[in-house]
Amino acid sequence: MTPIYASTWADLMAALRRPGGARQLAEQAMAAAEANAELNAYRRIDPAKVLAEADAADTRRKAYPTAPALCGLPISAKDLYVVDGYDTFAGTSMALDGHFPDEGPVVQTLRGQGAVITGKTHTVEFAFGGIGTNPHWPSPINPWSTDADRVSGGSSSGAGVSLWTGTAALALGTDTAGSVRVPASFTGAIGLKTTHGRWSIDGIVPLSPSLDTAGFLALNAEAIAEAFMAVDGTAARDPEFIRRAWPGRVDGLRLGVARQAFDGVEAGIGDVIERALKELEAAGAILKDVTLPEFDDAEALFKVGGVAGIEFAASINNDLPEWRDKLDPNVKARFAAIEQATAGEYLSRMSALAKMQAGATQRMDEFGIDALAGPTVPVSPPTIQEVADGDRYVNRNMLALRNTMHGNFLKLAGFTIPAGMDDIGMPAGLQIMTRAGSDIYAMGLLLAVERVLGRPYDRLGKPPKTA
């Protein structure tokens, strides 16, 4: 059987249609999890539960040949999502079950379609960080590491690792400032960021209700499209929605190349992105260099904590005060400075966000562009040892999130897709962001871009650290 990480969507569907196919995929995933345990993708796996869910999916497919496409598909869940049968730690040192007892609509929908949850993947504590390390738990190791163990990106730190180890065909993540897109870029996966407010975030431990979004990572765009249709409810309204949203090619796509996103890029990442953009241009896309003042405004606000830090501090102080003294030192260092913000400062920042969001949409209209493009992350994944130093962690964390946080602050939809390998042999992602609310368009665009650049496995190969 083809490894899950190398499988096309057609491969996965063919496997699931075979008698006992869901169980075979689940057994393969559990064997891969055991073989790659040292990469620390998961906080918890329950093989017996996984196999039982797979058997139920096989029974459903046998009884109903038109069962949903996701029936039996192995999916990992970031340990911010409440999943029945699993404790939720949210990267902390203690379970939060009494505080967040119920599954939310995203998980309920996927499980209702028969998806098999392969386990809970690691996360940065309370999702507050973009590097991927956590002193409470073993840090996931980037499977592309060669010279030394490198970070996998955060805060959905185990998500991309779960894909490349062949334990899941789709990974659930969340994105508040880049927590889907950073780990996707660092590990060479595709990551989808939805517009804030499009989907309910109930059943997900919050970081910032004003910015939190649910999202997906995968190694092929069709897996993300199927999950998108399921959660969005779009399939029920229009099964052909993707084809209507985008004709399957990039010919005529007007891409604004956000030049600020290239500032200070390291390890040849800029060259990797430029080459990918040239491939899109050769396929018919129209490139236009643009500069958005809103990018600078967003970055300035991000550097002082934005609104996420204030909302996180309020949540801890009001709902989880017993956790304050147990916080990861890297989280606590940011927490102490942020909690001094006043209500007036918070309202001022929310007002500034609204102005930036309106300004970015107007700017894209003025430029006559369909989407913005640039490097997802301007730096390579640092080594785990490097970011053990507090000052170095702060520097790398801010850089890791610098380009992705624009999407959250400006309320954009979009995705990251692997562009190639940088000068030290680590993946680099191309980020493409569309207007707020244009998620269906972004989903169709992702499929079109993947047709030009190829699936991650086709473009990058197999990570050297995976078994």
Protein backbone atom coordinates (compact mmCIF):
# COMPACT_ATOMS: atom_id res chain seq x y z
CA MET A 1 0.00 0.00 0.00
CA THR A 2 1.28 3.49 -0.88
CA PRO A 3 2.37 5.40 2.24
CA ILE A 4 -0.23 7.93 3.31
CA TYR A 5 2.22 10.82 2.89
CA ALA A 6 2.87 9.86 -0.74
CA SER A 7 -0.75 9.12 -1.64
CA THR A 8 -2.80 11.21 -4.02
CA TRP A 9 -6.43 11.86 -3.17
CA ALA A 10 -7.36 9.25 -5.76
CA ASP A 11 -5.05 6.76 -4.01
CA LEU A 12 -6.71 7.42 -0.66
CA MET A 13 -10.22 7.10 -2.08
CA ALA A 14 -9.32 3.85 -3.84
CA ALA A 15 -7.90 2.48 -0.59
CA LEU A 16 -11.02 3.41 1.38
CA ARG A 17 -13.35 1.83 -1.19
CA ARG A 18 -11.70 -1.55 -0.79
CA PRO A 19 -13.28 -3.94 1.74
CA GLY A 20 -11.65 -3.20 5.09
CA GLY A 21 -9.86 -0.22 3.56
CA ALA A 22 -10.33 2.14 6.50
CA ARG A 23 -8.85 -0.42 8.89
CA GLN A 24 -5.90 -1.01 6.56
CA LEU A 25 -5.19 2.74 6.47
CA ALA A 26 -5.58 2.96 10.24
CA GLU A 27 -3.20 0.05 10.79
CA GLN A 28 -0.70 1.67 8.46
CA ALA A 29 -1.05 4.96 10.36
CA MET A 30 -0.54 3.30 13.75
CA ALA A 31 2.51 1.41 12.51
CA ALA A 32 3.93 4.67 11.14
CA ALA A 33 3.26 6.40 14.46
CA GLU A 34 5.22 3.73 16.31
CA ALA A 35 8.08 3.81 13.81
CA ASN A 36 8.33 7.61 14.02
CA ALA A 37 7.58 8.09 17.70
CA GLU A 38 10.87 9.93 18.28
CA LEU A 39 9.65 12.83 16.10
CA ASN A 40 7.04 13.63 18.78
CA ALA A 41 4.07 14.49 16.58
CA TYR A 42 1.47 13.33 19.11
CA ARG A 43 0.68 14.00 22.72
CA ARG A 44 -1.60 10.98 22.78
CA ILE A 45 -2.55 8.13 20.46
CA ASP A 46 -5.04 5.38 21.32
CA PRO A 47 -4.56 2.61 18.71
CA ALA A 48 -7.54 0.58 19.93
CA LYS A 49 -9.82 3.59 19.59
CA VAL A 50 -8.41 4.41 16.15
CA LEU A 51 -8.99 0.87 14.88
CA ALA A 52 -12.51 0.79 16.31
CA GLU A 53 -13.37 4.02 14.49
CA ALA A 54 -11.88 2.61 11.30
CA ASP A 55 -13.97 -0.56 11.61
CA ALA A 56 -17.08 1.58 12.05
CA ALA A 57 -16.17 3.50 8.90
CA ASP A 58 -15.76 0.27 6.95
CA THR A 59 -19.16 -0.92 8.16
CA ARG A 60 -20.71 2.35 7.08
CA ARG A 61 -19.10 2.23 3.63
CA LYS A 62 -20.27 -1.34 3.13
CA ALA A 63 -23.84 -0.43 4.05
CA TYR A 64 -23.85 2.87 2.18
CA PRO A 65 -21.72 2.90 -1.01
CA THR A 66 -22.32 6.66 -1.25
CA ALA A 67 -20.80 7.33 2.19
CA PRO A 68 -18.98 10.70 2.48
CA ALA A 69 -15.50 10.93 1.01
CA LEU A 70 -14.05 11.56 4.48
CA CYS A 71 -15.48 8.31 5.87
CA GLY A 72 -12.48 6.37 7.17
CA LEU A 73 -9.93 9.09 6.40
CA PRO A 74 -7.24 9.32 9.12
CA ILE A 75 -7.14 12.84 10.57
CA SER A 76 -4.96 14.18 13.41
CA ALA A 77 -6.31 16.83 15.78
CA LYS A 78 -4.30 19.61 17.39
CA ASP A 79 -4.58 19.38 21.16
CA LEU A 80 -6.66 22.55 21.30
CA TYR A 81 -9.63 20.72 19.79
CA VAL A 82 -11.94 18.91 22.18
CA VAL A 83 -12.31 15.32 20.92
CA ASP A 84 -14.48 12.85 22.81
CA GLY A 85 -12.38 10.11 24.35
CA TYR A 86 -9.25 12.26 24.66
CA ASP A 87 -8.14 14.68 27.35
CA THR A 88 -7.42 18.23 26.21
CA PHE A 89 -4.20 19.77 27.53
CA ALA A 90 -3.73 22.65 25.05
CA GLY A 91 0.01 22.30 25.53
CA THR A 92 -0.22 22.81 29.29
CA SER A 93 0.95 20.56 32.08
CA MET A 94 -2.57 19.59 33.19
CA ALA A 95 -5.79 18.50 31.49
CA LEU A 96 -8.39 21.22 30.87
CA ASP A 97 -11.35 18.90 30.48
CA GLY A 98 -13.55 20.51 33.10
CA HIS A 99 -13.17 23.86 31.41
CA PHE A 100 -13.74 22.71 27.81
CA PRO A 101 -15.90 19.56 27.90
CA ASP A 102 -17.68 19.53 24.56
CA GLU A 103 -16.68 18.91 20.96
CA GLY A 104 -17.29 21.82 18.61
CA PRO A 105 -18.85 21.91 15.14
CA VAL A 106 -15.58 21.34 13.24
CA VAL A 107 -14.79 18.06 14.99
CA GLN A 108 -18.44 17.01 15.15
CA THR A 109 -18.84 17.50 11.41
CA LEU A 110 -15.72 15.56 10.48
CA ARG A 111 -16.54 12.72 12.85
CA GLY A 112 -20.12 12.76 11.63
CA GLN A 113 -18.77 12.08 8.16
CA GLY A 114 -16.91 9.08 9.52
CA ALA A 115 -13.39 10.50 9.74
CA VAL A 116 -11.01 8.58 11.99
CA ILE A 117 -9.18 10.73 14.56
CA THR A 118 -5.66 9.31 14.85
CA GLY A 119 -4.78 11.20 18.03
CA LYS A 120 -4.01 14.55 19.63
CA THR A 121 -0.99 16.37 18.18
CA HIS A 122 1.28 18.62 20.19
CA THR A 123 0.76 22.38 20.39
CA VAL A 124 2.61 25.32 21.86
CA GLU A 125 1.10 26.11 25.25
CA PHE A 126 -2.30 27.74 24.68
CA ALA A 127 -1.18 28.23 21.04
CA PHE A 128 0.82 31.30 22.10
CA GLY A 129 3.89 31.04 19.87
CA GLY A 130 5.06 30.32 16.34
CA ILE A 131 8.22 28.28 16.92
CA GLY A 132 6.77 24.99 18.16
CA THR A 133 8.68 24.27 21.37
CA ASN A 134 7.06 23.56 24.73
CA PRO A 135 8.86 22.72 28.00
CA HIS A 136 5.88 20.74 29.29
CA TRP A 137 6.06 18.15 26.52
CA PRO A 138 8.62 16.78 24.04
CA SER A 139 8.96 19.22 21.16
CA PRO A 140 8.03 17.86 17.73
CA ILE A 141 11.08 17.48 15.50
CA ASN A 142 11.02 18.75 11.95
CA PRO A 143 11.27 15.64 9.73
CA TRP A 144 13.46 17.56 7.26
CA SER A 145 16.20 18.09 9.88
CA THR A 146 19.64 16.85 8.88
CA ASP A 147 22.46 18.62 10.74
CA ALA A 148 20.55 19.04 14.02
CA ASP A 149 16.98 18.68 15.26
CA ARG A 150 14.98 21.67 14.07
CA VAL A 151 11.61 23.04 15.14
CA SER A 152 8.44 22.15 13.29
CA GLY A 153 6.79 25.56 13.68
CA GLY A 154 3.87 26.56 15.85
CA SER A 155 1.60 26.69 17.32
CA SER A 156 0.19 23.60 15.54
CA SER A 157 3.56 21.99 16.13
CA GLY A 158 2.65 18.33 15.70
CA ALA A 159 0.35 18.80 12.71
CA GLY A 160 2.83 18.84 9.84
CA VAL A 161 4.90 16.11 11.47
CA SER A 162 1.82 13.88 11.70
CA LEU A 163 1.38 14.21 7.93
CA TRP A 164 4.95 13.45 6.88
CA THR A 165 5.24 10.49 9.25
CA GLY A 166 2.30 8.93 7.42
CA THR A 167 -0.05 8.87 10.39
CA ALA A 168 -2.71 11.20 8.98
CA ALA A 169 -3.98 12.39 5.61
CA LEU A 170 -5.30 15.64 7.09
CA ALA A 171 -4.35 17.60 10.21
CA LEU A 172 -6.57 19.96 12.19
CA GLY A 173 -4.83 23.16 13.21
CA THR A 174 -5.73 26.64 14.36
CA ASP A 175 -4.42 29.98 13.11
CA THR A 176 -4.37 33.20 15.15
CA ALA A 177 -1.21 34.79 13.75
CA GLY A 178 0.07 32.00 11.52
CA SER A 179 -0.28 28.80 13.54
CA VAL A 180 -1.43 26.74 10.54
CA ARG A 181 0.74 28.40 7.92
CA VAL A 182 4.05 28.56 9.84
CA PRO A 183 4.20 24.83 10.65
CA ALA A 184 2.96 24.03 7.15
CA SER A 185 5.77 26.11 5.66
CA PHE A 186 8.44 24.78 8.03
CA THR A 187 7.49 21.15 7.40
CA GLY A 188 6.68 21.38 3.69
CA ALA A 189 2.91 20.96 3.84
CA ILE A 190 -0.10 22.84 2.50
CA GLY A 191 -1.93 24.94 5.07
CA LEU A 192 -5.33 26.64 4.75
CA LYS A 193 -6.23 29.77 6.74
CA THR A 194 -9.93 30.61 6.77
CA THR A 195 -11.52 34.02 7.23
CA HIS A 196 -12.13 34.84 10.88
CA GLY A 197 -15.75 34.19 11.78
CA ARG A 198 -16.50 31.86 8.87
CA TRP A 199 -16.53 28.76 11.07
CA SER A 200 -17.42 28.36 14.73
CA ILE A 201 -14.47 28.02 17.09
CA ASP A 202 -16.58 26.39 19.80
CA GLY A 203 -14.87 23.29 21.14
CA ILE A 204 -11.43 24.81 20.55
CA VAL A 205 -9.42 26.18 23.48
CA PRO A 206 -9.25 29.91 22.72
CA LEU A 207 -6.23 32.15 22.43
CA SER A 208 -7.85 35.23 20.90
CA PRO A 209 -11.56 35.07 19.99
CA SER A 210 -11.09 38.15 17.81
CA LEU A 211 -8.51 36.38 15.62
CA ASP A 212 -8.75 32.61 16.17
CA THR A 213 -9.60 30.51 13.11
CA ALA A 214 -9.82 26.79 12.43
CA GLY A 215 -7.76 25.45 9.54
CA PHE A 216 -6.28 22.40 7.89
CA LEU A 217 -2.89 21.05 6.85
CA ALA A 218 -2.43 18.29 4.27
CA LEU A 219 -0.08 16.96 1.60
CA ASN A 220 -2.58 17.40 -1.20
CA ALA A 221 -5.07 20.16 -1.90
CA GLU A 222 -7.98 17.82 -2.57
CA ALA A 223 -7.93 16.53 1.01
CA ILE A 224 -8.25 20.11 2.22
CA ALA A 225 -11.00 20.81 -0.32
CA GLU A 226 -13.07 17.83 0.84
CA ALA A 227 -12.69 18.81 4.50
CA PHE A 228 -13.50 22.41 3.63
CA MET A 229 -16.69 21.37 1.85
CA ALA A 230 -17.74 19.24 4.81
CA VAL A 231 -17.17 21.85 7.52
CA ASP A 232 -18.33 24.78 5.39
CA GLY A 233 -21.51 23.02 4.34
CA THR A 234 -20.78 24.07 0.78
CA ALA A 235 -21.02 20.57 -0.68
CA ALA A 236 -24.66 20.32 0.32
CA ARG A 237 -25.45 23.57 -1.46
CA ASP A 238 -23.27 23.16 -4.54
CA PRO A 239 -21.19 20.02 -5.15
CA GLU A 240 -19.39 21.78 -8.01
CA PHE A 241 -18.47 24.83 -5.97
CA ILE A 242 -14.71 24.52 -6.48
CA ARG A 243 -14.99 24.32 -10.25
CA ARG A 244 -17.30 27.32 -10.24
CA ALA A 245 -14.93 29.24 -7.95
CA TRP A 246 -11.87 28.67 -10.13
CA PRO A 247 -11.53 26.95 -13.51
CA GLY A 248 -8.52 24.89 -12.52
CA ARG A 249 -5.78 27.06 -13.99
CA VAL A 250 -3.90 30.20 -13.01
CA ASP A 251 -4.16 31.83 -16.44
CA GLY A 252 -5.22 35.44 -15.84
CA LEU A 253 -4.67 35.33 -12.08
CA ARG A 254 -3.52 38.79 -10.95
CA LEU A 255 -1.01 38.29 -8.15
CA GLY A 256 0.25 41.21 -6.11
CA VAL A 257 3.77 40.32 -4.99
CA ALA A 258 4.03 41.84 -1.51
CA ARG A 259 7.58 43.17 -1.53
CA GLN A 260 7.60 43.93 2.21
CA ALA A 261 7.30 40.18 2.83
CA PHE A 262 10.75 39.72 1.25
CA ASP A 263 12.50 42.12 3.66
CA GLY A 264 15.30 40.37 5.52
CA VAL A 265 14.65 36.91 4.10
CA GLU A 266 17.32 34.39 5.02
CA ALA A 267 18.84 31.20 3.58
CA GLY A 268 17.91 31.92 -0.02
CA ILE A 269 14.19 31.78 0.73
CA GLY A 270 13.54 34.82 -1.45
CA ASP A 271 15.06 33.07 -4.47
CA VAL A 272 12.95 29.96 -3.83
CA ILE A 273 9.77 32.04 -3.77
CA GLU A 274 10.74 34.03 -6.85
CA ARG A 275 11.25 30.81 -8.80
CA ALA A 276 7.83 29.52 -7.77
CA LEU A 277 6.25 32.82 -8.80
CA LYS A 278 7.96 32.56 -12.18
CA GLU A 279 6.40 29.12 -12.62
CA LEU A 280 2.98 30.61 -11.97
CA GLU A 281 3.75 33.44 -14.37
CA ALA A 282 4.77 30.95 -17.05
CA ALA A 283 1.41 29.25 -16.52
CA GLY A 284 -0.41 32.53 -17.20
CA ALA A 285 -0.49 34.41 -13.89
CA ILE A 286 0.11 38.16 -14.01
CA LEU A 287 2.59 39.41 -11.39
CA LYS A 288 2.63 42.94 -10.03
CA ASP A 289 4.92 44.26 -7.30
CA VAL A 290 2.92 45.97 -4.54
CA THR A 291 3.56 47.63 -1.20
CA LEU A 292 0.82 47.87 1.42
CA PRO A 293 1.10 50.43 4.23
CA GLU A 294 -1.29 48.18 6.17
CA PHE A 295 1.47 45.56 6.39
CA ASP A 296 3.65 48.03 8.26
CA ASP A 297 0.76 49.08 10.51
CA ALA A 298 -0.06 45.46 11.32
CA GLU A 299 3.55 44.66 12.13
CA ALA A 300 3.82 47.63 14.48
CA LEU A 301 0.70 46.51 16.33
CA PHE A 302 1.90 42.91 16.43
CA LYS A 303 5.17 43.92 18.07
CA VAL A 304 3.32 45.38 21.06
CA GLY A 305 1.10 42.31 21.46
CA GLY A 306 -1.81 43.11 19.17
CA VAL A 307 -5.17 42.10 20.61
CA ALA A 308 -4.39 38.39 20.98
CA GLY A 309 -2.06 38.98 23.91
CA ILE A 310 -4.61 41.10 25.76
CA GLU A 311 -7.41 38.59 25.19
CA PHE A 312 -5.18 35.70 26.23
CA ALA A 313 -4.14 37.45 29.45
CA ALA A 314 -7.76 38.20 30.29
CA SER A 315 -8.75 34.58 29.64
CA ILE A 316 -6.05 33.22 31.93
CA ASN A 317 -6.74 35.70 34.72
CA ASN A 318 -10.51 35.29 34.57
CA ASP A 319 -11.01 31.63 33.65
CA LEU A 320 -7.79 29.77 34.44
CA PRO A 321 -5.96 31.71 37.18
CA GLU A 322 -4.44 28.51 38.58
CA TRP A 323 -2.49 28.11 35.32
CA ARG A 324 -0.69 31.43 35.55
CA ASP A 325 2.26 30.23 37.64
CA LYS A 326 2.63 27.09 35.55
CA LEU A 327 3.02 28.82 32.17
CA ASP A 328 5.93 28.10 29.84
CA PRO A 329 8.59 30.77 30.61
CA ASN A 330 8.46 31.95 26.99
CA VAL A 331 4.70 32.41 27.29
CA LYS A 332 4.91 33.93 30.76
CA ALA A 333 7.50 36.51 29.64
CA ARG A 334 5.07 37.88 27.03
CA PHE A 335 2.11 37.51 29.38
CA ALA A 336 3.57 39.76 32.08
CA ALA A 337 4.04 42.69 29.71
CA ILE A 338 0.70 42.32 27.95
CA GLU A 339 -1.60 42.09 30.96
CA GLN A 340 -0.84 45.69 31.87
CA ALA A 341 -2.81 46.93 28.84
CA THR A 342 -5.92 48.93 29.74
CA ALA A 343 -9.44 48.53 28.39
CA GLY A 344 -8.94 51.76 26.49
CA GLU A 345 -5.79 50.42 24.87
CA TYR A 346 -7.64 47.26 23.86
CA LEU A 347 -10.47 49.21 22.24
CA SER A 348 -7.95 51.41 20.46
CA ARG A 349 -6.20 48.35 19.03
CA MET A 350 -9.50 46.82 17.89
CA SER A 351 -10.33 50.07 16.13
CA ALA A 352 -6.92 50.09 14.47
CA LEU A 353 -7.49 46.54 13.24
CA ALA A 354 -10.81 47.48 11.66
CA LYS A 355 -9.16 50.36 9.81
CA MET A 356 -6.33 48.15 8.57
CA GLN A 357 -8.78 45.52 7.33
CA ALA A 358 -10.82 48.05 5.38
CA GLY A 359 -7.65 49.66 4.06
CA ALA A 360 -6.18 46.38 2.82
CA THR A 361 -9.32 45.50 0.88
CA GLN A 362 -9.42 48.95 -0.68
CA ARG A 363 -5.72 48.72 -1.54
CA MET A 364 -6.18 45.39 -3.33
CA ASP A 365 -9.03 46.91 -5.32
CA GLU A 366 -6.87 49.90 -6.27
CA PHE A 367 -4.01 47.63 -7.34
CA GLY A 368 -6.38 45.55 -9.43
CA ILE A 369 -5.16 42.27 -7.95
CA ASP A 370 -6.89 39.03 -7.02
CA ALA A 371 -4.50 37.94 -4.29
CA LEU A 372 -1.27 38.78 -2.45
CA ALA A 373 1.80 36.55 -2.62
CA GLY A 374 5.15 36.27 -0.88
CA PRO A 375 7.23 34.06 1.42
CA THR A 376 5.14 32.44 4.13
CA VAL A 377 8.04 32.68 6.58
CA PRO A 378 11.19 34.76 5.96
CA VAL A 379 13.50 32.46 7.95
CA SER A 380 14.46 28.79 8.10
CA PRO A 381 13.33 26.64 11.02
CA PRO A 382 15.89 27.20 13.80
CA THR A 383 17.35 24.31 15.75
CA ILE A 384 15.60 23.34 18.97
CA GLN A 385 18.82 24.06 20.85
CA GLU A 386 19.08 27.55 19.35
CA VAL A 387 15.67 28.67 20.63
CA ALA A 388 16.32 27.26 24.10
CA ASP A 389 17.91 30.67 24.67
CA GLY A 390 15.12 33.06 25.68
CA ASP A 391 16.32 36.08 23.71
CA ARG A 392 16.91 33.99 20.61
CA TYR A 393 13.45 32.49 20.97
CA VAL A 394 11.84 35.92 21.02
CA ASN A 395 13.73 37.00 17.89
CA ARG A 396 12.96 33.84 15.91
CA ASN A 397 9.34 33.77 17.07
CA MET A 398 8.66 37.31 15.88
CA LEU A 399 10.27 36.57 12.52
CA ALA A 400 8.42 33.27 12.10
CA LEU A 401 5.07 35.04 12.47
CA ARG A 402 5.96 38.32 10.74
CA ASN A 403 4.49 37.51 7.32
CA THR A 404 1.63 35.29 8.42
CA MET A 405 0.15 37.61 11.04
CA HIS A 406 -0.84 40.02 8.24
CA GLY A 407 -3.47 37.51 7.17
CA ASN A 408 -5.06 37.51 10.62
CA PHE A 409 -4.76 41.21 11.36
CA LEU A 410 -6.12 42.12 7.90
CA LYS A 411 -8.79 39.37 8.03
CA LEU A 412 -7.66 37.65 4.83
CA ALA A 413 -8.25 34.09 3.63
CA GLY A 414 -5.58 32.03 1.93
CA PHE A 415 -2.97 29.31 2.08
CA THR A 416 0.66 28.32 2.02
CA ILE A 417 2.07 25.72 -0.36
CA PRO A 418 5.64 24.42 -0.63
CA ALA A 419 7.77 26.39 -3.09
CA GLY A 420 10.99 24.42 -2.70
CA MET A 421 13.99 23.93 -0.42
CA ASP A 422 16.10 26.74 0.99
CA ASP A 423 19.89 26.91 1.17
CA ILE A 424 20.09 24.64 4.23
CA GLY A 425 17.73 22.03 2.81
CA MET A 426 14.58 23.05 4.68
CA PRO A 427 11.17 23.64 3.06
CA ALA A 428 10.04 27.16 2.19
CA GLY A 429 6.40 28.01 1.60
CA LEU A 430 4.70 30.39 -0.83
CA GLN A 431 1.85 32.26 0.83
CA ILE A 432 -1.13 33.44 -1.23
CA MET A 433 -3.84 35.47 0.51
CA THR A 434 -7.18 36.62 -0.85
CA ARG A 435 -9.82 39.06 0.36
CA ALA A 436 -11.80 38.56 3.56
CA GLY A 437 -14.68 36.16 3.03
CA SER A 438 -13.32 34.83 -0.27
CA ASP A 439 -12.64 31.38 1.16
CA ILE A 440 -14.30 29.46 -1.66
CA TYR A 441 -12.26 31.42 -4.19
CA ALA A 442 -9.10 30.76 -2.15
CA MET A 443 -9.90 27.05 -2.04
CA GLY A 444 -10.31 26.87 -5.80
CA LEU A 445 -7.14 28.91 -6.24
CA LEU A 446 -5.22 26.48 -4.05
CA LEU A 447 -6.23 23.61 -6.33
CA ALA A 448 -5.14 25.61 -9.37
CA VAL A 449 -1.77 26.59 -7.87
CA GLU A 450 -1.09 23.00 -6.83
CA ARG A 451 -1.62 21.91 -10.43
CA VAL A 452 1.30 24.17 -11.39
CA LEU A 453 3.67 23.64 -8.46
CA GLY A 454 2.76 20.04 -7.71
CA ARG A 455 1.93 18.19 -4.51
CA PRO A 456 4.40 18.54 -1.63
CA TYR A 457 5.67 14.97 -2.06
CA ASP A 458 6.23 15.50 -5.78
CA ARG A 459 8.03 18.80 -5.22
CA LEU A 460 10.08 17.99 -2.13
CA GLY A 461 10.40 14.21 -1.93
CA LYS A 462 10.53 12.24 1.32
CA PRO A 463 11.85 13.83 4.53
CA PRO A 464 15.16 12.31 5.63
CA LYS A 465 14.15 11.77 9.26
CA THR A 466 11.00 9.72 8.65
CA ALA A 467 11.05 5.94 8.90
